[in-house]
Amino acid sequence: MAQLIRGIHHITVIAGNTQNNFDFNSGILGMRMVKKTINFDDPYTYHLYYGDAVGSPGGIMTFFPWEGAKVGKLGSGMMSSTYYAVNEGSEEFWLKRLNEYQVKNDGVSELYGQSRIAFADREGLQMELLFVNPKSDKRLGYGGVVPEDYAIKGFAGAQLKISRPEATIALLTQLMGYAIKEEEGNRVRLNAIEETEAPIIDLEIDKTAIPGRQGAGIVHHIAFAVDTEKEQLEIQRQLQNAGLQVTEVRDRNYFKSIYFREPSGILFEIATRPPGFGVDESNESLGESLMLPEWYEGRRSEIEQHLPPLKLNYAAFKV
């Protein structure tokens, strides 16, 4: 079967405060806001996208900041950690930076022979820096906030907390282009068969875990990339033939999407790489203005009145 999935496209998270969200992701982590738009299904809520200088798939972290949202609780059927790729040798820089901003972290440790730092944002969103000498040429050190040699270079992968390992592994290996690489305790690491960005999917297996609770600091869904709309329709057909309930194609303006839940309940999305974030503003001005899809443009004044203020202050966080 031809390989259709090209690694992770983006990851979408629920947040509780808009300004704090920018300060952490663009300020502390040094990522550029590449799109300031709205939740197309809830237009009084921002949808904020962070990534490299041009918003390349494979490093896009997105948030629905619902002001005042209660902190969620991790459990079975959730994505439990986001892995960012950074250069080997930058451990000391990142440990110092996280501690400087009082970011809760576990210090430098090792898993599967890889050096890492596990940490969490102010709302408990779980993340890890993997020091892996990534091949990616992405630079998520926008605006000089983080020096280029230390900047995040996109995703390295993700960890999923699951209760039905056999079914989830079958989906990932038979339809989505992954293969088991190694196992350690209750964890299984899968890698993409063909070379892709963000090749790692770690499974944390707990057959007795109770479901989690959505809220701030919890991943809403993880999106995998395909190169074309034709390939998206083909993977949609394959998933349906496997008995999964898959949505129709939905237009997200910057990509086309389909959604389904994997066997343990995690919401998966398949998103096209094109057309990308340059369809409605130049690379130079990405993320600076509120961008609305054409079907909401007539309600701009109304929508803007409901959105909280947001100050894009990169300079305050420079090293």
C-alpha atoms as a PDB file:
ATOM      1  CA  MET A   1       0.000   0.000   0.000  1.00  0.00           C
ATOM      2  CA  ALA A   2       1.355   3.420  -0.933  1.00  0.00           C
ATOM      3  CA  GLN A   3       2.375   5.634   1.977  1.00  0.00           C
ATOM      4  CA  LEU A   4      -0.163   8.447   2.319  1.00  0.00           C
ATOM      5  CA  ILE A   5       0.440   9.870   5.807  1.00  0.00           C
ATOM      6  CA  ARG A   6       3.409  12.272   5.989  1.00  0.00           C
ATOM      7  CA  GLY A   7       3.862  12.643   9.714  1.00  0.00           C
ATOM      8  CA  ILE A   8       2.116  15.166  11.945  1.00  0.00           C
ATOM      9  CA  HIS A   9       0.529  18.248  10.372  1.00  0.00           C
ATOM     10  CA  HIS A  10      -0.583  20.100  13.523  1.00  0.00           C
ATOM     11  CA  ILE A  11      -1.764  19.597  17.091  1.00  0.00           C
ATOM     12  CA  THR A  12      -4.711  21.517  18.544  1.00  0.00           C
ATOM     13  CA  VAL A  13      -5.127  22.266  22.245  1.00  0.00           C
ATOM     14  CA  ILE A  14      -7.696  23.900  24.528  1.00  0.00           C
ATOM     15  CA  ALA A  15      -6.350  26.888  26.452  1.00  0.00           C
ATOM     16  CA  GLY A  16      -7.807  29.167  29.105  1.00  0.00           C
ATOM     17  CA  ASN A  17      -6.244  32.591  28.573  1.00  0.00           C
ATOM     18  CA  THR A  18      -5.323  34.231  25.270  1.00  0.00           C
ATOM     19  CA  GLN A  19      -2.470  36.489  26.373  1.00  0.00           C
ATOM     20  CA  ASN A  20      -0.866  33.837  28.573  1.00  0.00           C
ATOM     21  CA  ASN A  21      -1.038  31.466  25.623  1.00  0.00           C
ATOM     22  CA  PHE A  22       0.909  33.835  23.381  1.00  0.00           C
ATOM     23  CA  ASP A  23       3.429  34.675  26.095  1.00  0.00           C
ATOM     24  CA  PHE A  24       4.260  31.013  26.636  1.00  0.00           C
ATOM     25  CA  ASN A  25       4.373  29.777  23.037  1.00  0.00           C
ATOM     26  CA  SER A  26       5.873  32.785  21.286  1.00  0.00           C
ATOM     27  CA  GLY A  27       7.615  34.308  24.289  1.00  0.00           C
ATOM     28  CA  ILE A  28       9.178  31.424  26.193  1.00  0.00           C
ATOM     29  CA  LEU A  29       9.294  28.779  23.438  1.00  0.00           C
ATOM     30  CA  GLY A  30      10.062  31.301  20.695  1.00  0.00           C
ATOM     31  CA  MET A  31       7.510  30.226  18.077  1.00  0.00           C
ATOM     32  CA  ARG A  32       5.951  32.654  15.620  1.00  0.00           C
ATOM     33  CA  MET A  33       2.231  33.238  15.624  1.00  0.00           C
ATOM     34  CA  VAL A  34       1.513  32.393  12.004  1.00  0.00           C
ATOM     35  CA  LYS A  35      -2.248  32.842  12.012  1.00  0.00           C
ATOM     36  CA  LYS A  36      -4.656  34.739  14.222  1.00  0.00           C
ATOM     37  CA  THR A  37      -8.124  33.620  13.245  1.00  0.00           C
ATOM     38  CA  ILE A  38     -11.247  32.191  14.865  1.00  0.00           C
ATOM     39  CA  ASN A  39     -12.666  28.794  15.673  1.00  0.00           C
ATOM     40  CA  PHE A  40     -14.824  28.271  12.570  1.00  0.00           C
ATOM     41  CA  ASP A  41     -17.399  26.413  14.686  1.00  0.00           C
ATOM     42  CA  ASP A  42     -17.337  28.992  17.516  1.00  0.00           C
ATOM     43  CA  PRO A  43     -16.570  32.418  15.985  1.00  0.00           C
ATOM     44  CA  TYR A  44     -16.362  34.271  19.310  1.00  0.00           C
ATOM     45  CA  THR A  45     -13.242  32.218  20.155  1.00  0.00           C
ATOM     46  CA  TYR A  46      -9.772  32.711  18.709  1.00  0.00           C
ATOM     47  CA  HIS A  47      -7.950  29.967  16.871  1.00  0.00           C
ATOM     48  CA  LEU A  48      -4.240  30.741  17.263  1.00  0.00           C
ATOM     49  CA  TYR A  49      -1.572  28.983  15.205  1.00  0.00           C
ATOM     50  CA  TYR A  50       2.133  28.923  16.119  1.00  0.00           C
ATOM     51  CA  GLY A  51       4.984  27.610  13.990  1.00  0.00           C
ATOM     52  CA  ASP A  52       8.064  28.551  12.013  1.00  0.00           C
ATOM     53  CA  ALA A  53       8.544  31.735   9.982  1.00  0.00           C
ATOM     54  CA  VAL A  54       6.201  30.574   7.184  1.00  0.00           C
ATOM     55  CA  GLY A  55       3.873  28.202   9.042  1.00  0.00           C
ATOM     56  CA  SER A  56       5.194  24.925   7.652  1.00  0.00           C
ATOM     57  CA  PRO A  57       3.173  21.765   8.403  1.00  0.00           C
ATOM     58  CA  GLY A  58       4.977  19.510  10.852  1.00  0.00           C
ATOM     59  CA  GLY A  59       5.517  22.192  13.467  1.00  0.00           C
ATOM     60  CA  ILE A  60       2.136  23.887  13.859  1.00  0.00           C
ATOM     61  CA  MET A  61       0.737  24.074  17.388  1.00  0.00           C
ATOM     62  CA  THR A  62      -2.761  25.544  17.530  1.00  0.00           C
ATOM     63  CA  PHE A  63      -5.015  26.625  20.395  1.00  0.00           C
ATOM     64  CA  PHE A  64      -8.658  27.362  21.136  1.00  0.00           C
ATOM     65  CA  PRO A  65      -8.318  29.808  24.057  1.00  0.00           C
ATOM     66  CA  TRP A  66     -11.658  29.731  25.857  1.00  0.00           C
ATOM     67  CA  GLU A  67     -11.285  32.459  28.451  1.00  0.00           C
ATOM     68  CA  GLY A  68     -11.756  31.075  31.948  1.00  0.00           C
ATOM     69  CA  ALA A  69     -11.870  27.442  30.833  1.00  0.00           C
ATOM     70  CA  LYS A  70     -11.321  25.017  33.700  1.00  0.00           C
ATOM     71  CA  VAL A  71      -8.165  22.929  33.619  1.00  0.00           C
ATOM     72  CA  GLY A  72      -8.824  19.491  32.140  1.00  0.00           C
ATOM     73  CA  LYS A  73      -7.661  16.110  33.346  1.00  0.00           C
ATOM     74  CA  LEU A  74      -5.544  13.641  31.406  1.00  0.00           C
ATOM     75  CA  GLY A  75      -6.894  10.146  31.019  1.00  0.00           C
ATOM     76  CA  SER A  76      -7.376   7.314  28.591  1.00  0.00           C
ATOM     77  CA  GLY A  77      -8.264   8.272  25.043  1.00  0.00           C
ATOM     78  CA  MET A  78      -6.166  11.442  24.974  1.00  0.00           C
ATOM     79  CA  MET A  79      -2.933  12.643  23.478  1.00  0.00           C
ATOM     80  CA  SER A  80      -0.746  12.967  26.553  1.00  0.00           C
ATOM     81  CA  SER A  81       2.394  14.780  25.367  1.00  0.00           C
ATOM     82  CA  THR A  82       3.748  16.794  22.433  1.00  0.00           C
ATOM     83  CA  TYR A  83       7.371  16.220  21.424  1.00  0.00           C
ATOM     84  CA  TYR A  84       9.395  19.124  20.008  1.00  0.00           C
ATOM     85  CA  ALA A  85      12.658  18.506  18.154  1.00  0.00           C
ATOM     86  CA  VAL A  86      15.740  20.532  19.129  1.00  0.00           C
ATOM     87  CA  ASN A  87      19.461  20.147  18.530  1.00  0.00           C
ATOM     88  CA  GLU A  88      21.573  17.889  20.689  1.00  0.00           C
ATOM     89  CA  GLY A  89      23.784  19.952  22.926  1.00  0.00           C
ATOM     90  CA  SER A  90      21.120  22.544  23.762  1.00  0.00           C
ATOM     91  CA  GLU A  91      20.013  20.852  26.991  1.00  0.00           C
ATOM     92  CA  GLU A  92      21.741  23.385  29.232  1.00  0.00           C
ATOM     93  CA  PHE A  93      20.220  26.335  27.348  1.00  0.00           C
ATOM     94  CA  TRP A  94      16.680  25.005  27.599  1.00  0.00           C
ATOM     95  CA  LEU A  95      16.911  23.899  31.209  1.00  0.00           C
ATOM     96  CA  LYS A  96      18.160  27.362  32.149  1.00  0.00           C
ATOM     97  CA  ARG A  97      15.435  29.082  30.099  1.00  0.00           C
ATOM     98  CA  LEU A  98      12.599  26.991  31.498  1.00  0.00           C
ATOM     99  CA  ASN A  99      13.813  27.524  35.048  1.00  0.00           C
ATOM    100  CA  GLU A 100      14.269  31.254  34.442  1.00  0.00           C
ATOM    101  CA  TYR A 101      10.591  31.544  33.552  1.00  0.00           C
ATOM    102  CA  GLN A 102       9.563  29.170  36.346  1.00  0.00           C
ATOM    103  CA  VAL A 103       8.260  26.547  33.936  1.00  0.00           C
ATOM    104  CA  LYS A 104       7.615  23.263  35.719  1.00  0.00           C
ATOM    105  CA  ASN A 105       9.968  20.602  34.330  1.00  0.00           C
ATOM    106  CA  ASP A 106      11.554  17.261  35.212  1.00  0.00           C
ATOM    107  CA  GLY A 107      15.110  18.209  34.318  1.00  0.00           C
ATOM    108  CA  VAL A 108      17.181  16.347  31.748  1.00  0.00           C
ATOM    109  CA  SER A 109      16.384  12.623  31.536  1.00  0.00           C
ATOM    110  CA  GLU A 110      16.618   9.848  28.967  1.00  0.00           C
ATOM    111  CA  LEU A 111      14.120   7.550  27.227  1.00  0.00           C
ATOM    112  CA  TYR A 112      14.895   5.069  24.449  1.00  0.00           C
ATOM    113  CA  GLY A 113      18.446   6.416  24.544  1.00  0.00           C
ATOM    114  CA  GLN A 114      17.337   9.979  23.752  1.00  0.00           C
ATOM    115  CA  SER A 115      17.977  12.990  25.950  1.00  0.00           C
ATOM    116  CA  ARG A 116      14.821  14.932  26.806  1.00  0.00           C
ATOM    117  CA  ILE A 117      13.226  17.511  29.090  1.00  0.00           C
ATOM    118  CA  ALA A 118       9.577  17.000  30.027  1.00  0.00           C
ATOM    119  CA  PHE A 119       7.739  20.195  30.992  1.00  0.00           C
ATOM    120  CA  ALA A 120       4.276  21.743  31.192  1.00  0.00           C
ATOM    121  CA  ASP A 121       2.755  25.140  30.486  1.00  0.00           C
ATOM    122  CA  ARG A 122       0.802  27.177  33.045  1.00  0.00           C
ATOM    123  CA  GLU A 123      -2.338  25.102  32.438  1.00  0.00           C
ATOM    124  CA  GLY A 124      -0.643  21.732  32.630  1.00  0.00           C
ATOM    125  CA  LEU A 125      -0.222  20.995  28.913  1.00  0.00           C
ATOM    126  CA  GLN A 126       2.401  18.242  28.769  1.00  0.00           C
ATOM    127  CA  MET A 127       5.324  18.696  26.356  1.00  0.00           C
ATOM    128  CA  GLU A 128       8.841  17.389  25.855  1.00  0.00           C
ATOM    129  CA  LEU A 129      11.963  18.674  24.169  1.00  0.00           C
ATOM    130  CA  LEU A 130      13.771  15.810  22.407  1.00  0.00           C
ATOM    131  CA  PHE A 131      17.435  16.502  21.684  1.00  0.00           C
ATOM    132  CA  VAL A 132      17.722  14.577  18.443  1.00  0.00           C
ATOM    133  CA  ASN A 133      19.668  16.613  15.826  1.00  0.00           C
ATOM    134  CA  PRO A 134      16.550  16.887  13.629  1.00  0.00           C
ATOM    135  CA  LYS A 135      16.925  16.948   9.857  1.00  0.00           C
ATOM    136  CA  SER A 136      14.297  19.665   9.538  1.00  0.00           C
ATOM    137  CA  ASP A 137      15.402  23.074   8.306  1.00  0.00           C
ATOM    138  CA  LYS A 138      12.577  24.757  10.211  1.00  0.00           C
ATOM    139  CA  ARG A 139      13.487  27.518  12.621  1.00  0.00           C
ATOM    140  CA  LEU A 140      10.841  28.243  15.218  1.00  0.00           C
ATOM    141  CA  GLY A 141      13.037  30.887  16.795  1.00  0.00           C
ATOM    142  CA  TYR A 142      11.106  33.761  15.239  1.00  0.00           C
ATOM    143  CA  GLY A 143      12.113  37.334  15.986  1.00  0.00           C
ATOM    144  CA  GLY A 144      15.352  36.323  17.664  1.00  0.00           C
ATOM    145  CA  VAL A 145      13.520  35.295  20.836  1.00  0.00           C
ATOM    146  CA  VAL A 146      15.521  32.044  20.952  1.00  0.00           C
ATOM    147  CA  PRO A 147      18.918  31.867  19.197  1.00  0.00           C
ATOM    148  CA  GLU A 148      18.819  29.849  15.998  1.00  0.00           C
ATOM    149  CA  ASP A 149      21.120  27.077  17.220  1.00  0.00           C
ATOM    150  CA  TYR A 150      18.744  26.334  20.096  1.00  0.00           C
ATOM    151  CA  ALA A 151      15.405  26.998  18.382  1.00  0.00           C
ATOM    152  CA  ILE A 152      12.674  24.384  18.195  1.00  0.00           C
ATOM    153  CA  LYS A 153      12.664  22.793  14.739  1.00  0.00           C
ATOM    154  CA  GLY A 154       9.128  21.444  14.646  1.00  0.00           C
ATOM    155  CA  PHE A 155       7.581  18.308  16.082  1.00  0.00           C
ATOM    156  CA  ALA A 156       9.525  15.158  16.838  1.00  0.00           C
ATOM    157  CA  GLY A 157       6.318  13.246  17.540  1.00  0.00           C
ATOM    158  CA  ALA A 158       3.594  12.691  20.105  1.00  0.00           C
ATOM    159  CA  GLN A 159       2.543  10.409  22.940  1.00  0.00           C
ATOM    160  CA  LEU A 160      -0.922   8.862  23.134  1.00  0.00           C
ATOM    161  CA  LYS A 161      -2.515   7.406  26.269  1.00  0.00           C
ATOM    162  CA  ILE A 162      -4.583   4.421  25.143  1.00  0.00           C
ATOM    163  CA  SER A 163      -6.645   1.555  26.545  1.00  0.00           C
ATOM    164  CA  ARG A 164      -7.054  -0.578  23.387  1.00  0.00           C
ATOM    165  CA  PRO A 165      -3.470  -1.112  22.222  1.00  0.00           C
ATOM    166  CA  GLU A 166      -4.110  -3.928  19.764  1.00  0.00           C
ATOM    167  CA  ALA A 167      -6.690  -1.947  17.787  1.00  0.00           C
ATOM    168  CA  THR A 168      -4.757   1.337  17.918  1.00  0.00           C
ATOM    169  CA  ILE A 169      -1.518  -0.346  16.826  1.00  0.00           C
ATOM    170  CA  ALA A 170      -3.353  -2.084  13.979  1.00  0.00           C
ATOM    171  CA  LEU A 171      -4.661   1.275  12.740  1.00  0.00           C
ATOM    172  CA  LEU A 172      -1.239   2.931  12.914  1.00  0.00           C
ATOM    173  CA  THR A 173       0.651   0.054  11.293  1.00  0.00           C
ATOM    174  CA  GLN A 174      -1.859  -1.149   8.697  1.00  0.00           C
ATOM    175  CA  LEU A 175      -3.311   2.159   7.486  1.00  0.00           C
ATOM    176  CA  MET A 176      -1.149   5.024   8.659  1.00  0.00           C
ATOM    177  CA  GLY A 177       2.388   4.005   7.763  1.00  0.00           C
ATOM    178  CA  TYR A 178       3.975   3.336  11.169  1.00  0.00           C
ATOM    179  CA  ALA A 179       5.903   0.334  12.481  1.00  0.00           C
ATOM    180  CA  ILE A 180       6.783  -0.779  16.004  1.00  0.00           C
ATOM    181  CA  LYS A 181      10.383   0.156  16.799  1.00  0.00           C
ATOM    182  CA  GLU A 182      10.810  -0.757  20.463  1.00  0.00           C
ATOM    183  CA  GLU A 183       8.997  -1.386  23.728  1.00  0.00           C
ATOM    184  CA  GLU A 184       9.802  -0.412  27.304  1.00  0.00           C
ATOM    185  CA  GLY A 185       7.451  -1.326  30.161  1.00  0.00           C
ATOM    186  CA  ASN A 186       3.940  -0.199  29.304  1.00  0.00           C
ATOM    187  CA  ARG A 187       5.199   1.968  26.434  1.00  0.00           C
ATOM    188  CA  VAL A 188       5.491   1.179  22.738  1.00  0.00           C
ATOM    189  CA  ARG A 189       7.381   3.401  20.296  1.00  0.00           C
ATOM    190  CA  LEU A 190       6.344   3.465  16.656  1.00  0.00           C
ATOM    191  CA  ASN A 191       8.236   5.206  13.872  1.00  0.00           C
ATOM    192  CA  ALA A 192       7.060   6.230  10.430  1.00  0.00           C
ATOM    193  CA  ILE A 193       8.102   3.600   7.872  1.00  0.00           C
ATOM    194  CA  GLU A 194       9.140   6.211   5.317  1.00  0.00           C
ATOM    195  CA  GLU A 195      11.144   9.286   6.216  1.00  0.00           C
ATOM    196  CA  THR A 196       8.817  12.013   7.457  1.00  0.00           C
ATOM    197  CA  GLU A 197       8.956  14.930   9.827  1.00  0.00           C
ATOM    198  CA  ALA A 198       7.806  14.113  13.357  1.00  0.00           C
ATOM    199  CA  PRO A 199       8.238  10.344  12.859  1.00  0.00           C
ATOM    200  CA  ILE A 200       7.595   9.232  16.465  1.00  0.00           C
ATOM    201  CA  ILE A 201       4.325   8.003  17.941  1.00  0.00           C
ATOM    202  CA  ASP A 202       4.691   6.738  21.514  1.00  0.00           C
ATOM    203  CA  LEU A 203       1.888   4.737  23.068  1.00  0.00           C
ATOM    204  CA  GLU A 204       1.375   4.772  26.825  1.00  0.00           C
ATOM    205  CA  ILE A 205      -0.783   1.717  27.491  1.00  0.00           C
ATOM    206  CA  ASP A 206      -3.175   1.490  30.449  1.00  0.00           C
ATOM    207  CA  LYS A 207      -6.142  -0.814  29.920  1.00  0.00           C
ATOM    208  CA  THR A 208      -7.695   0.185  33.261  1.00  0.00           C
ATOM    209  CA  ALA A 209      -7.326   3.971  32.911  1.00  0.00           C
ATOM    210  CA  ILE A 210     -10.493   6.023  33.113  1.00  0.00           C
ATOM    211  CA  PRO A 211     -11.329   8.578  30.420  1.00  0.00           C
ATOM    212  CA  GLY A 212      -9.959  12.068  30.904  1.00  0.00           C
ATOM    213  CA  ARG A 213     -11.853  15.357  31.016  1.00  0.00           C
ATOM    214  CA  GLN A 214     -11.522  17.989  28.312  1.00  0.00           C
ATOM    215  CA  GLY A 215     -10.465  21.440  29.434  1.00  0.00           C
ATOM    216  CA  ALA A 216      -7.554  23.866  29.430  1.00  0.00           C
ATOM    217  CA  GLY A 217      -4.196  22.145  28.969  1.00  0.00           C
ATOM    218  CA  ILE A 218      -5.677  19.176  27.118  1.00  0.00           C
ATOM    219  CA  VAL A 219      -5.080  18.293  23.461  1.00  0.00           C
ATOM    220  CA  HIS A 220      -8.301  18.520  21.442  1.00  0.00           C
ATOM    221  CA  HIS A 221      -6.966  16.564  18.441  1.00  0.00           C
ATOM    222  CA  ILE A 222      -3.856  15.564  16.539  1.00  0.00           C
ATOM    223  CA  ALA A 223      -3.705  16.048  12.767  1.00  0.00           C
ATOM    224  CA  PHE A 224      -1.661  13.965  10.342  1.00  0.00           C
ATOM    225  CA  ALA A 225      -0.532  15.324   6.974  1.00  0.00           C
ATOM    226  CA  VAL A 226      -1.229  14.250   3.407  1.00  0.00           C
ATOM    227  CA  ASP A 227       0.197  15.936   0.324  1.00  0.00           C
ATOM    228  CA  THR A 228      -2.945  16.245  -1.794  1.00  0.00           C
ATOM    229  CA  GLU A 229      -6.735  16.267  -1.630  1.00  0.00           C
ATOM    230  CA  LYS A 230      -6.744  13.111  -3.764  1.00  0.00           C
ATOM    231  CA  GLU A 231      -4.648  11.299  -1.166  1.00  0.00           C
ATOM    232  CA  GLN A 232      -6.956  12.575   1.561  1.00  0.00           C
ATOM    233  CA  LEU A 233      -9.957  11.019  -0.199  1.00  0.00           C
ATOM    234  CA  GLU A 234      -8.057   7.753  -0.576  1.00  0.00           C
ATOM    235  CA  ILE A 235      -7.193   7.529   3.127  1.00  0.00           C
ATOM    236  CA  GLN A 236     -10.811   8.480   3.911  1.00  0.00           C
ATOM    237  CA  ARG A 237     -11.959   5.510   1.809  1.00  0.00           C
ATOM    238  CA  GLN A 238      -9.486   3.150   3.494  1.00  0.00           C
ATOM    239  CA  LEU A 239     -10.542   4.254   6.968  1.00  0.00           C
ATOM    240  CA  GLN A 240     -14.223   3.818   6.127  1.00  0.00           C
ATOM    241  CA  ASN A 241     -13.537   0.350   4.727  1.00  0.00           C
ATOM    242  CA  ALA A 242     -11.848  -0.479   8.038  1.00  0.00           C
ATOM    243  CA  GLY A 243     -15.115   0.338   9.842  1.00  0.00           C
ATOM    244  CA  LEU A 244     -14.199   3.772  11.206  1.00  0.00           C
ATOM    245  CA  GLN A 245     -16.684   6.642  11.188  1.00  0.00           C
ATOM    246  CA  VAL A 246     -15.027   9.401   9.155  1.00  0.00           C
ATOM    247  CA  THR A 247     -16.426  12.892   8.541  1.00  0.00           C
ATOM    248  CA  GLU A 248     -16.906  14.541   5.195  1.00  0.00           C
ATOM    249  CA  VAL A 249     -14.119  16.832   3.952  1.00  0.00           C
ATOM    250  CA  ARG A 250     -14.224  20.183   5.756  1.00  0.00           C
ATOM    251  CA  ASP A 251     -12.673  23.393   4.461  1.00  0.00           C
ATOM    252  CA  ARG A 252     -10.415  24.989   7.089  1.00  0.00           C
ATOM    253  CA  ASN A 253      -9.238  27.722   4.677  1.00  0.00           C
ATOM    254  CA  TYR A 254      -5.548  26.825   5.102  1.00  0.00           C
ATOM    255  CA  PHE A 255      -6.038  23.083   4.612  1.00  0.00           C
ATOM    256  CA  LYS A 256      -8.814  20.546   4.039  1.00  0.00           C
ATOM    257  CA  SER A 257      -9.669  18.161   6.871  1.00  0.00           C
ATOM    258  CA  ILE A 258     -11.384  14.913   7.723  1.00  0.00           C
ATOM    259  CA  TYR A 259     -11.846  13.619  11.286  1.00  0.00           C
ATOM    260  CA  PHE A 260     -12.345  10.278  13.023  1.00  0.00           C
ATOM    261  CA  ARG A 261     -11.729   8.705  16.434  1.00  0.00           C
ATOM    262  CA  GLU A 262      -9.119   6.007  16.744  1.00  0.00           C
ATOM    263  CA  PRO A 263     -10.117   2.881  18.747  1.00  0.00           C
ATOM    264  CA  SER A 264      -9.140   4.303  22.168  1.00  0.00           C
ATOM    265  CA  GLY A 265     -11.130   7.484  21.516  1.00  0.00           C
ATOM    266  CA  ILE A 266      -8.504  10.064  20.509  1.00  0.00           C
ATOM    267  CA  LEU A 267      -9.705  12.470  17.825  1.00  0.00           C
ATOM    268  CA  PHE A 268      -7.529  12.147  14.718  1.00  0.00           C
ATOM    269  CA  GLU A 269      -7.559  14.550  11.787  1.00  0.00           C
ATOM    270  CA  ILE A 270      -6.110  14.073   8.308  1.00  0.00           C
ATOM    271  CA  ALA A 271      -5.152  17.483   6.881  1.00  0.00           C
ATOM    272  CA  THR A 272      -3.772  18.495   3.496  1.00  0.00           C
ATOM    273  CA  ARG A 273      -0.502  20.400   3.338  1.00  0.00           C
ATOM    274  CA  PRO A 274      -1.793  22.928   0.775  1.00  0.00           C
ATOM    275  CA  PRO A 275      -2.901  25.628   0.372  1.00  0.00           C
ATOM    276  CA  GLY A 276      -1.058  26.874   3.492  1.00  0.00           C
ATOM    277  CA  PHE A 277      -1.110  30.035   5.558  1.00  0.00           C
ATOM    278  CA  GLY A 278      -0.042  32.410   2.800  1.00  0.00           C
ATOM    279  CA  VAL A 279      -3.421  32.384   1.040  1.00  0.00           C
ATOM    280  CA  ASP A 280      -4.723  35.487   2.826  1.00  0.00           C
ATOM    281  CA  GLU A 281      -1.640  37.407   4.034  1.00  0.00           C
ATOM    282  CA  SER A 282       2.030  37.731   3.169  1.00  0.00           C
ATOM    283  CA  ASN A 283       4.782  35.832   4.953  1.00  0.00           C
ATOM    284  CA  GLU A 284       6.053  39.134   6.336  1.00  0.00           C
ATOM    285  CA  SER A 285       2.772  39.884   8.100  1.00  0.00           C
ATOM    286  CA  LEU A 286       1.669  36.391   9.179  1.00  0.00           C
ATOM    287  CA  GLY A 287      -0.233  36.404  12.456  1.00  0.00           C
ATOM    288  CA  GLU A 288      -0.409  40.168  12.869  1.00  0.00           C
ATOM    289  CA  SER A 289      -4.058  40.758  11.869  1.00  0.00           C
ATOM    290  CA  LEU A 290      -7.285  38.924  12.588  1.00  0.00           C
ATOM    291  CA  MET A 291      -8.049  36.842   9.516  1.00  0.00           C
ATOM    292  CA  LEU A 292     -11.596  35.624   8.922  1.00  0.00           C
ATOM    293  CA  PRO A 293     -12.917  33.164   6.353  1.00  0.00           C
ATOM    294  CA  GLU A 294     -15.064  34.842   3.739  1.00  0.00           C
ATOM    295  CA  TRP A 295     -18.291  33.461   5.213  1.00  0.00           C
ATOM    296  CA  TYR A 296     -17.626  35.365   8.471  1.00  0.00           C
ATOM    297  CA  GLU A 297     -16.222  38.578   6.983  1.00  0.00           C
ATOM    298  CA  GLY A 298     -19.628  40.297   7.071  1.00  0.00           C
ATOM    299  CA  ARG A 299     -19.692  39.820  10.865  1.00  0.00           C
ATOM    300  CA  ARG A 300     -16.184  41.186  11.518  1.00  0.00           C
ATOM    301  CA  SER A 301     -17.198  44.062  13.809  1.00  0.00           C
ATOM    302  CA  GLU A 302     -19.465  41.823  15.882  1.00  0.00           C
ATOM    303  CA  ILE A 303     -16.803  39.109  16.191  1.00  0.00           C
ATOM    304  CA  GLU A 304     -14.002  41.542  17.110  1.00  0.00           C
ATOM    305  CA  GLN A 305     -16.112  42.927  19.968  1.00  0.00           C
ATOM    306  CA  HIS A 306     -16.301  39.471  21.529  1.00  0.00           C
ATOM    307  CA  LEU A 307     -12.586  38.624  21.271  1.00  0.00           C
ATOM    308  CA  PRO A 308     -10.172  39.600  24.076  1.00  0.00           C
ATOM    309  CA  PRO A 309      -7.237  41.933  23.336  1.00  0.00           C
ATOM    310  CA  LEU A 310      -3.953  40.279  22.387  1.00  0.00           C
ATOM    311  CA  LYS A 311      -0.530  41.962  22.397  1.00  0.00           C
ATOM    312  CA  LEU A 312       2.167  40.333  20.248  1.00  0.00           C
ATOM    313  CA  ASN A 313       5.243  41.272  22.268  1.00  0.00           C
ATOM    314  CA  TYR A 314       8.145  39.085  21.107  1.00  0.00           C
ATOM    315  CA  ALA A 315      10.892  41.457  22.192  1.00  0.00           C
ATOM    316  CA  ALA A 316      10.072  41.128  25.895  1.00  0.00           C
ATOM    317  CA  PHE A 317      11.226  37.506  25.854  1.00  0.00           C
ATOM    318  CA  LYS A 318      14.498  37.753  23.918  1.00  0.00           C
ATOM    319  CA  VAL A 319      17.544  36.092  25.434  1.00  0.00           C
END
